[in-house]
Amino acid sequence: MDKGSVVDYQLNLTGNGLMVFVIEGEVNAAGGQLRRRDSFEMWGADQLSVEAREDARLLLIEVPAD
């Protein structure tokens, strides 16, 4: 992601969870600030909005709830 860009990620299946890993850079996501090597899990939402505070590389993995 380029600094200042915003991505709205829509989960593919309702009920899935999402694991987010910041490989490089810094982002705002889910009401918090994440930096290099930070991660979090998200459950119970269908989308996630991510804003790059600086150039960033992310890995997002959808996880089945069942």
N, C-alpha and C. Protein backbone atom coordinates (compact mmCIF):
# COMPACT_ATOMS: atom_id res chain seq x y z
N MET A 1 0.84 -1.17 0.00
CA MET A 1 0.00 0.00 0.00
C MET A 1 0.89 1.24 0.00
N ASP A 2 0.49 2.22 -0.77
CA ASP A 2 1.20 3.49 -0.77
C ASP A 2 0.72 4.36 0.38
N LYS A 3 1.62 5.16 0.93
CA LYS A 3 1.27 6.08 2.02
C LYS A 3 0.03 6.89 1.66
N GLY A 4 -0.93 6.94 2.58
CA GLY A 4 -2.16 7.70 2.38
C GLY A 4 -3.28 6.94 1.69
N SER A 5 -2.99 5.78 1.13
CA SER A 5 -4.05 5.02 0.46
C SER A 5 -4.93 4.30 1.48
N VAL A 6 -6.16 4.02 1.06
CA VAL A 6 -7.13 3.31 1.90
C VAL A 6 -7.65 2.12 1.12
N VAL A 7 -7.70 0.96 1.77
CA VAL A 7 -8.25 -0.25 1.16
C VAL A 7 -9.39 -0.73 2.04
N ASP A 8 -10.54 -1.00 1.42
CA ASP A 8 -11.68 -1.60 2.12
C ASP A 8 -11.74 -3.05 1.68
N TYR A 9 -11.35 -3.95 2.57
CA TYR A 9 -11.33 -5.38 2.26
C TYR A 9 -12.65 -6.01 2.69
N GLN A 10 -13.34 -6.64 1.74
CA GLN A 10 -14.60 -7.32 1.99
C GLN A 10 -14.32 -8.82 2.12
N LEU A 11 -14.70 -9.43 3.24
CA LEU A 11 -14.49 -10.86 3.40
C LEU A 11 -15.31 -11.63 2.38
N ASN A 12 -14.77 -12.76 1.93
CA ASN A 12 -15.42 -13.56 0.90
C ASN A 12 -16.63 -14.32 1.41
N LEU A 13 -16.60 -14.77 2.66
CA LEU A 13 -17.72 -15.51 3.23
C LEU A 13 -18.13 -14.90 4.56
N THR A 14 -19.42 -14.64 4.71
CA THR A 14 -19.93 -14.13 5.98
C THR A 14 -19.61 -15.13 7.08
N GLY A 15 -19.11 -14.63 8.19
CA GLY A 15 -18.78 -15.50 9.32
C GLY A 15 -17.31 -15.87 9.39
N ASN A 16 -16.56 -15.66 8.31
CA ASN A 16 -15.12 -15.92 8.36
C ASN A 16 -14.45 -14.93 9.30
N GLY A 17 -13.30 -15.32 9.80
CA GLY A 17 -12.44 -14.41 10.54
C GLY A 17 -11.36 -13.91 9.60
N LEU A 18 -10.59 -12.93 10.05
CA LEU A 18 -9.52 -12.38 9.24
C LEU A 18 -8.29 -12.19 10.11
N MET A 19 -7.16 -12.69 9.65
CA MET A 19 -5.89 -12.47 10.32
C MET A 19 -5.11 -11.46 9.48
N VAL A 20 -4.59 -10.43 10.14
CA VAL A 20 -3.88 -9.35 9.46
C VAL A 20 -2.46 -9.28 10.01
N PHE A 21 -1.48 -9.30 9.10
CA PHE A 21 -0.08 -9.21 9.48
C PHE A 21 0.55 -8.03 8.74
N VAL A 22 1.22 -7.15 9.47
CA VAL A 22 1.94 -6.04 8.84
C VAL A 22 3.37 -6.51 8.62
N ILE A 23 3.74 -6.66 7.36
CA ILE A 23 5.08 -7.12 7.02
C ILE A 23 6.05 -5.95 7.07
N GLU A 24 5.66 -4.83 6.49
CA GLU A 24 6.47 -3.60 6.50
C GLU A 24 5.54 -2.41 6.63
N GLY A 25 6.02 -1.33 7.20
CA GLY A 25 5.27 -0.08 7.23
C GLY A 25 4.41 0.09 8.46
N GLU A 26 3.42 0.98 8.31
CA GLU A 26 2.53 1.33 9.42
C GLU A 26 1.15 1.64 8.87
N VAL A 27 0.11 1.10 9.51
CA VAL A 27 -1.27 1.29 9.05
C VAL A 27 -2.19 1.56 10.22
N ASN A 28 -3.34 2.13 9.92
CA ASN A 28 -4.46 2.21 10.85
C ASN A 28 -5.48 1.19 10.40
N ALA A 29 -5.94 0.36 11.34
CA ALA A 29 -6.95 -0.66 11.02
C ALA A 29 -7.69 -1.03 12.29
N ALA A 30 -8.99 -1.23 12.17
CA ALA A 30 -9.83 -1.68 13.29
C ALA A 30 -9.67 -0.80 14.52
N GLY A 31 -9.54 0.50 14.29
CA GLY A 31 -9.45 1.44 15.40
C GLY A 31 -8.10 1.51 16.08
N GLY A 32 -7.10 0.86 15.51
CA GLY A 32 -5.77 0.88 16.13
C GLY A 32 -4.68 1.13 15.11
N GLN A 33 -3.50 1.37 15.64
CA GLN A 33 -2.33 1.61 14.80
C GLN A 33 -1.44 0.37 14.84
N LEU A 34 -1.04 -0.10 13.67
CA LEU A 34 -0.21 -1.29 13.58
C LEU A 34 1.09 -0.94 12.87
N ARG A 35 2.18 -1.51 13.38
CA ARG A 35 3.50 -1.27 12.80
C ARG A 35 4.09 -2.59 12.33
N ARG A 36 5.27 -2.51 11.75
CA ARG A 36 6.00 -3.67 11.24
C ARG A 36 5.97 -4.82 12.26
N ARG A 37 5.61 -5.99 11.78
CA ARG A 37 5.53 -7.24 12.55
C ARG A 37 4.35 -7.32 13.52
N ASP A 38 3.47 -6.33 13.53
CA ASP A 38 2.25 -6.41 14.33
C ASP A 38 1.23 -7.28 13.61
N SER A 39 0.30 -7.85 14.37
CA SER A 39 -0.77 -8.64 13.78
C SER A 39 -1.99 -8.59 14.69
N PHE A 40 -3.14 -8.94 14.12
CA PHE A 40 -4.35 -9.08 14.92
C PHE A 40 -5.34 -9.98 14.19
N GLU A 41 -6.30 -10.48 14.95
CA GLU A 41 -7.39 -11.29 14.40
C GLU A 41 -8.68 -10.49 14.50
N MET A 42 -9.54 -10.67 13.52
CA MET A 42 -10.82 -9.98 13.51
C MET A 42 -11.92 -11.01 13.28
N TRP A 43 -12.94 -10.97 14.12
CA TRP A 43 -14.08 -11.88 14.01
C TRP A 43 -15.36 -11.06 14.12
N GLY A 44 -16.42 -11.51 13.47
CA GLY A 44 -17.73 -10.88 13.62
C GLY A 44 -17.94 -9.64 12.78
N ALA A 45 -17.10 -9.40 11.80
CA ALA A 45 -17.28 -8.28 10.88
C ALA A 45 -17.12 -8.79 9.45
N ASP A 46 -17.74 -8.10 8.51
CA ASP A 46 -17.68 -8.53 7.11
C ASP A 46 -16.67 -7.75 6.28
N GLN A 47 -16.11 -6.68 6.86
CA GLN A 47 -15.15 -5.89 6.11
C GLN A 47 -14.15 -5.22 7.05
N LEU A 48 -13.03 -4.83 6.48
CA LEU A 48 -11.99 -4.13 7.22
C LEU A 48 -11.46 -3.01 6.35
N SER A 49 -11.38 -1.81 6.92
CA SER A 49 -10.81 -0.67 6.24
C SER A 49 -9.40 -0.45 6.78
N VAL A 50 -8.43 -0.33 5.88
CA VAL A 50 -7.02 -0.16 6.26
C VAL A 50 -6.50 1.10 5.60
N GLU A 51 -5.88 1.99 6.38
CA GLU A 51 -5.26 3.20 5.85
C GLU A 51 -3.76 3.13 6.08
N ALA A 52 -2.98 3.35 5.05
CA ALA A 52 -1.51 3.31 5.16
C ALA A 52 -1.00 4.64 5.70
N ARG A 53 -0.37 4.62 6.86
CA ARG A 53 0.24 5.82 7.43
C ARG A 53 1.61 6.08 6.80
N GLU A 54 2.20 5.02 6.27
CA GLU A 54 3.41 5.09 5.46
C GLU A 54 3.35 3.91 4.50
N ASP A 55 4.24 3.85 3.52
CA ASP A 55 4.22 2.71 2.60
C ASP A 55 4.20 1.42 3.41
N ALA A 56 3.35 0.47 3.01
CA ALA A 56 3.18 -0.74 3.82
C ALA A 56 2.94 -1.96 2.96
N ARG A 57 3.32 -3.11 3.50
CA ARG A 57 3.01 -4.41 2.90
C ARG A 57 2.27 -5.22 3.96
N LEU A 58 1.12 -5.78 3.58
CA LEU A 58 0.27 -6.53 4.50
C LEU A 58 0.02 -7.93 3.97
N LEU A 59 -0.27 -8.83 4.89
CA LEU A 59 -0.76 -10.15 4.54
C LEU A 59 -2.09 -10.34 5.25
N LEU A 60 -3.15 -10.62 4.48
CA LEU A 60 -4.48 -10.86 5.05
C LEU A 60 -4.86 -12.30 4.75
N ILE A 61 -5.30 -13.03 5.77
CA ILE A 61 -5.69 -14.43 5.61
C ILE A 61 -7.09 -14.61 6.19
N GLU A 62 -8.02 -15.04 5.34
CA GLU A 62 -9.35 -15.36 5.84
C GLU A 62 -9.34 -16.74 6.47
N VAL A 63 -10.01 -16.84 7.61
CA VAL A 63 -10.02 -18.07 8.38
C VAL A 63 -11.47 -18.53 8.55
N PRO A 64 -11.79 -19.75 8.11
CA PRO A 64 -13.14 -20.26 8.31
C PRO A 64 -13.49 -20.33 9.80
N ALA A 65 -14.72 -19.98 10.13
CA ALA A 65 -15.16 -20.01 11.52
C ALA A 65 -15.44 -21.42 12.00
N ASP A 66 -15.74 -22.32 11.09
CA ASP A 66 -16.06 -23.70 11.49
C ASP A 66 -14.86 -24.59 11.40
